[in-house]
Amino acid sequence: MRYFILILISVLAILGCDHPESKVYERNQGDEGVNISKFSNGNTNAEEADLERTGNVLEMEVDDGVRYVWVEINGIKLRFIFDTGASNICISPAEATVLYRQGKLRKEDILDVEYFQDATGRISEGTTINLRSVKIGNLELENVKATIVNNVNAPLLLGQTVLERFGNIEIDNTNNLIVFK
């Protein structure tokens, strides 16, 4: 196991050469805040104000029919695909390298090798990690399992390991909002 972790860290460091932290990437340039006035599902003004105050409303960005949300992982803000069909959070080795280089992902956060089935039905190998902090709006979850997908170009997916911990969520596709209840 220790040998695997050392190899993984070495690979992540090498892969990170193509994805330095100083470069500007679309998926790590978050926009703060949500315009609650866009939310019109019949809530009273008091309910809307409460949702805005508690940070329970998250705005989705739509690009070619894909819905994206900004999530802070161990203090780094990243743009994820909101994917209710994904079983957990998935990140590429590039993001894992950035997190590791900045001290946001530590050796003890790297848990194990896992095999998973992707959307095409193919079985792939990945690495299970622990994310100490996953912040969505003003809501924060601790110790969330995620997968490093063995593909530098893998999209960032926000899946069920996060969504199921919130209990009830409401997706407002008309206004591109997610309400965590």
Protein backbone atom coordinates (compact mmCIF):
# COMPACT_ATOMS: atom_id res chain seq x y z
CA MET A 1 0.00 0.00 0.00
CA ARG A 2 2.78 2.45 0.89
CA TYR A 3 4.51 1.65 -2.40
CA PHE A 4 1.27 2.42 -4.30
CA ILE A 5 0.87 5.75 -2.49
CA LEU A 6 4.43 6.78 -3.35
CA ILE A 7 3.88 5.88 -7.01
CA LEU A 8 0.55 7.74 -7.06
CA ILE A 9 2.11 10.87 -5.58
CA SER A 10 4.97 10.69 -8.10
CA VAL A 11 2.54 10.32 -11.00
CA LEU A 12 0.43 13.19 -9.69
CA ALA A 13 3.50 15.40 -9.45
CA ILE A 14 4.53 14.60 -13.02
CA LEU A 15 1.04 15.11 -14.39
CA GLY A 16 0.81 18.41 -12.59
CA CYS A 17 3.47 19.89 -14.84
CA ASP A 18 0.76 20.44 -17.47
CA HIS A 19 -1.67 21.96 -14.97
CA PRO A 20 0.15 24.52 -12.82
CA GLU A 21 -1.77 26.38 -10.13
CA SER A 22 -0.83 29.79 -11.54
CA LYS A 23 -2.59 29.19 -14.84
CA VAL A 24 -6.19 30.34 -15.27
CA TYR A 25 -8.62 27.52 -16.04
CA GLU A 26 -12.35 27.81 -16.63
CA ARG A 27 -13.10 25.23 -13.96
CA ASN A 28 -11.32 27.07 -11.14
CA GLN A 29 -12.58 30.63 -11.54
CA GLY A 30 -15.69 30.75 -9.34
CA ASP A 31 -18.23 33.53 -9.18
CA GLU A 32 -19.48 34.37 -5.70
CA GLY A 33 -23.10 34.76 -4.72
CA VAL A 34 -26.48 33.87 -6.07
CA ASN A 35 -29.28 36.16 -7.13
CA ILE A 36 -32.14 34.88 -4.99
CA SER A 37 -34.64 37.08 -6.81
CA LYS A 38 -34.41 34.62 -9.71
CA PHE A 39 -35.89 31.90 -7.49
CA SER A 40 -39.63 31.81 -8.01
CA ASN A 41 -41.14 28.52 -6.91
CA GLY A 42 -43.85 29.99 -4.71
CA ASN A 43 -41.71 30.66 -1.62
CA THR A 44 -42.60 33.73 0.40
CA ASN A 45 -40.14 36.60 0.59
CA ALA A 46 -39.27 35.50 4.14
CA GLU A 47 -38.50 31.96 2.94
CA GLU A 48 -36.39 33.28 0.09
CA ALA A 49 -34.50 35.60 2.46
CA ASP A 50 -33.88 32.64 4.80
CA LEU A 51 -32.58 30.49 1.94
CA GLU A 52 -30.25 33.28 0.83
CA ARG A 53 -29.03 33.92 4.40
CA THR A 54 -28.26 30.27 5.13
CA GLY A 55 -26.59 29.67 1.76
CA ASN A 56 -28.96 26.86 0.88
CA VAL A 57 -29.38 28.02 -2.72
CA LEU A 58 -26.75 27.26 -5.31
CA GLU A 59 -26.78 28.71 -8.80
CA MET A 60 -26.09 26.41 -11.72
CA GLU A 61 -24.34 27.54 -14.89
CA VAL A 62 -25.62 25.92 -18.07
CA ASP A 63 -23.26 25.29 -20.97
CA ASP A 64 -24.51 23.19 -23.93
CA GLY A 65 -27.13 21.57 -21.71
CA VAL A 66 -24.62 20.61 -18.99
CA ARG A 67 -25.23 22.06 -15.53
CA TYR A 68 -22.20 23.25 -13.56
CA VAL A 69 -21.84 24.33 -9.94
CA TRP A 70 -18.98 25.92 -8.02
CA VAL A 71 -17.76 23.85 -5.07
CA GLU A 72 -14.91 24.53 -2.68
CA ILE A 73 -12.79 21.43 -2.08
CA ASN A 74 -10.37 21.70 0.85
CA GLY A 75 -10.29 25.46 0.30
CA ILE A 76 -9.90 25.43 -3.53
CA LYS A 77 -12.90 26.54 -5.61
CA LEU A 78 -13.59 24.31 -8.64
CA ARG A 79 -16.34 24.09 -11.27
CA PHE A 80 -18.10 20.70 -11.18
CA ILE A 81 -20.69 19.08 -13.39
CA PHE A 82 -23.81 18.59 -11.28
CA ASP A 83 -24.34 14.88 -11.92
CA THR A 84 -27.09 13.11 -10.00
CA GLY A 85 -26.12 9.89 -11.80
CA ALA A 86 -22.53 9.89 -10.52
CA SER A 87 -22.01 7.81 -7.42
CA ASN A 88 -19.48 10.16 -5.89
CA ILE A 89 -17.23 13.16 -6.45
CA CYS A 90 -14.77 12.48 -9.25
CA ILE A 91 -11.67 14.56 -9.98
CA SER A 92 -8.81 14.13 -12.42
CA PRO A 93 -5.16 13.66 -11.48
CA ALA A 94 -4.60 17.29 -12.53
CA GLU A 95 -6.88 18.64 -9.78
CA ALA A 96 -5.49 16.12 -7.29
CA THR A 97 -1.99 17.39 -8.08
CA VAL A 98 -3.01 21.01 -7.54
CA LEU A 99 -4.63 20.08 -4.22
CA TYR A 100 -1.55 18.08 -3.18
CA ARG A 101 0.97 20.77 -4.17
CA GLN A 102 -0.94 23.37 -2.17
CA GLY A 103 -1.12 21.13 0.90
CA LYS A 104 -4.89 20.70 0.51
CA LEU A 105 -4.59 16.94 -0.08
CA ARG A 106 -2.25 15.05 2.22
CA LYS A 107 -0.79 11.55 2.11
CA GLU A 108 -3.22 10.40 4.81
CA ASP A 109 -6.13 11.52 2.58
CA ILE A 110 -5.16 8.95 -0.08
CA LEU A 111 -7.08 5.84 0.92
CA ASP A 112 -7.06 2.99 -1.58
CA VAL A 113 -7.30 1.78 -5.16
CA GLU A 114 -10.83 1.15 -6.39
CA TYR A 115 -12.50 -0.08 -9.53
CA PHE A 116 -15.59 1.63 -10.83
CA GLN A 117 -17.90 1.46 -13.81
CA ASP A 118 -18.09 4.63 -15.89
CA ALA A 119 -21.00 5.90 -17.96
CA THR A 120 -19.89 3.84 -20.97
CA GLY A 121 -19.99 0.64 -18.91
CA ARG A 122 -16.20 0.28 -18.89
CA ILE A 123 -14.48 -0.76 -15.65
CA SER A 124 -11.69 1.65 -14.72
CA GLU A 125 -9.19 1.97 -11.92
CA GLY A 126 -9.18 5.00 -9.65
CA THR A 127 -7.93 6.10 -6.28
CA THR A 128 -10.24 6.73 -3.34
CA ILE A 129 -9.42 9.85 -1.36
CA ASN A 130 -10.90 11.68 1.59
CA LEU A 131 -11.85 15.32 1.06
CA ARG A 132 -11.67 16.96 4.47
CA SER A 133 -13.96 19.81 3.41
CA VAL A 134 -16.56 20.15 0.67
CA LYS A 135 -18.23 23.56 0.77
CA ILE A 136 -21.30 24.29 -1.33
CA GLY A 137 -22.49 27.85 -0.83
CA ASN A 138 -22.37 28.38 2.93
CA LEU A 139 -22.92 24.68 3.66
CA GLU A 140 -19.90 22.56 4.52
CA LEU A 141 -19.48 18.80 4.67
CA GLU A 142 -16.50 17.11 6.26
CA ASN A 143 -14.77 13.87 5.30
CA VAL A 144 -16.36 13.14 1.96
CA LYS A 145 -15.08 10.22 -0.12
CA ALA A 146 -14.08 11.01 -3.70
CA THR A 147 -12.37 9.27 -6.61
CA ILE A 148 -9.34 10.35 -8.59
CA VAL A 149 -10.14 9.07 -12.07
CA ASN A 150 -7.10 7.83 -13.95
CA ASN A 151 -7.57 10.30 -16.83
CA VAL A 152 -6.08 13.79 -16.90
CA ASN A 153 -9.01 15.02 -19.02
CA ALA A 154 -11.72 13.55 -16.79
CA PRO A 155 -14.45 16.06 -15.95
CA LEU A 156 -15.08 17.12 -12.37
CA LEU A 157 -18.30 15.43 -11.23
CA LEU A 158 -20.37 16.29 -8.17
CA GLY A 159 -22.23 13.09 -7.34
CA GLN A 160 -24.18 11.24 -4.71
CA THR A 161 -21.55 11.10 -1.92
CA VAL A 162 -22.29 14.81 -1.48
CA LEU A 163 -25.94 15.02 -2.53
CA GLU A 164 -27.15 12.19 -0.28
CA ARG A 165 -25.68 13.88 2.79
CA PHE A 166 -27.97 16.87 2.31
CA GLY A 167 -31.15 14.82 2.43
CA ASN A 168 -33.70 16.77 0.41
CA ILE A 169 -32.62 18.89 -2.51
CA GLU A 170 -34.79 20.66 -5.05
CA ILE A 171 -33.64 21.30 -8.59
CA ASP A 172 -35.17 24.36 -10.22
CA ASN A 173 -34.27 23.93 -13.89
CA THR A 174 -36.29 27.01 -14.89
CA ASN A 175 -34.12 29.32 -12.77
CA ASN A 176 -30.99 27.12 -12.77
CA LEU A 177 -30.92 26.77 -8.99
CA ILE A 178 -30.44 23.95 -6.51
CA VAL A 179 -32.09 24.34 -3.11
CA PHE A 180 -30.68 22.27 -0.24
CA LYS A 181 -33.34 21.66 2.42
